Amino acid sequence: MYAYIKGSLEVKTRGYIVIDVNGIGYKIFMSETAIAELGEIGQVVKVHTYLKVKEDEMSLYGFNTNEELRMFELLLSVSGIGAKTAIAMLSNITPSKFALAIISNDLKTLTKIPGIGNKSAQRMVLELKDKLKTQTAIEDDEEETTPNDNSESINEAGQALQILGYNKSEISKVFDKFDTHNLSTEDLIKEALKRLAR
């Protein structure tokens, strides 16, 4: 319903902000990290949003980037993880590190996040990797492009970017735009995200 909200930042407090758009104040729940990165009170800000509807309430959740929004949506798709847990996770791990932890089965990194135990971390990896396999199968049917570089780091970075919502064609094009040699998987993800966000 709301892709994003752009307006004057009126309230910036723990757990949420209020943006004024033509005299209407939108209360938007955000991670502590995202709130800290926003501008000052009175500045015009743009926040990507997710509207969560329950029987008795409607809540808006906000994100500074599409990657944060994608990560939030992915987390909601994991059984047993609700909006509050997902927002808390965004305060403790970046989307690139999260995607890397999923594709590399890094339970240690995931269990460092408050509220995430070993079982929750295992469930996240299992369910999100299944989604990635399904998406990859669909895209393999649709296109036959092959990556220029088949190194392990490129493949892992590509899988992590797919988890964050990018398709194989976008990923292949962005990797062609910079020197991918000698970069770690995490650096590849960071550089690709910088360019994809432009």
Foldseek 3Di string as FASTA:
>chain_A
DAQKDKAFWAAQDPQWTWGDDPNDTAIAGAAPVQSVPDDDGGDIDMWGWDWDDDPVDIHIYTDRDLLLVLQQVLQCVQPPGDNVLSRQVVNPDPLLVVLLCLLVVVLVSVCVRPPADSVNSVSSSVVLVVVLVVLVVVVVVVDPDDAPDDDPLLVSLQSSVVSSPDDPVLSSVLPVVDDPPPDGSSRSNVSSVVVVRD
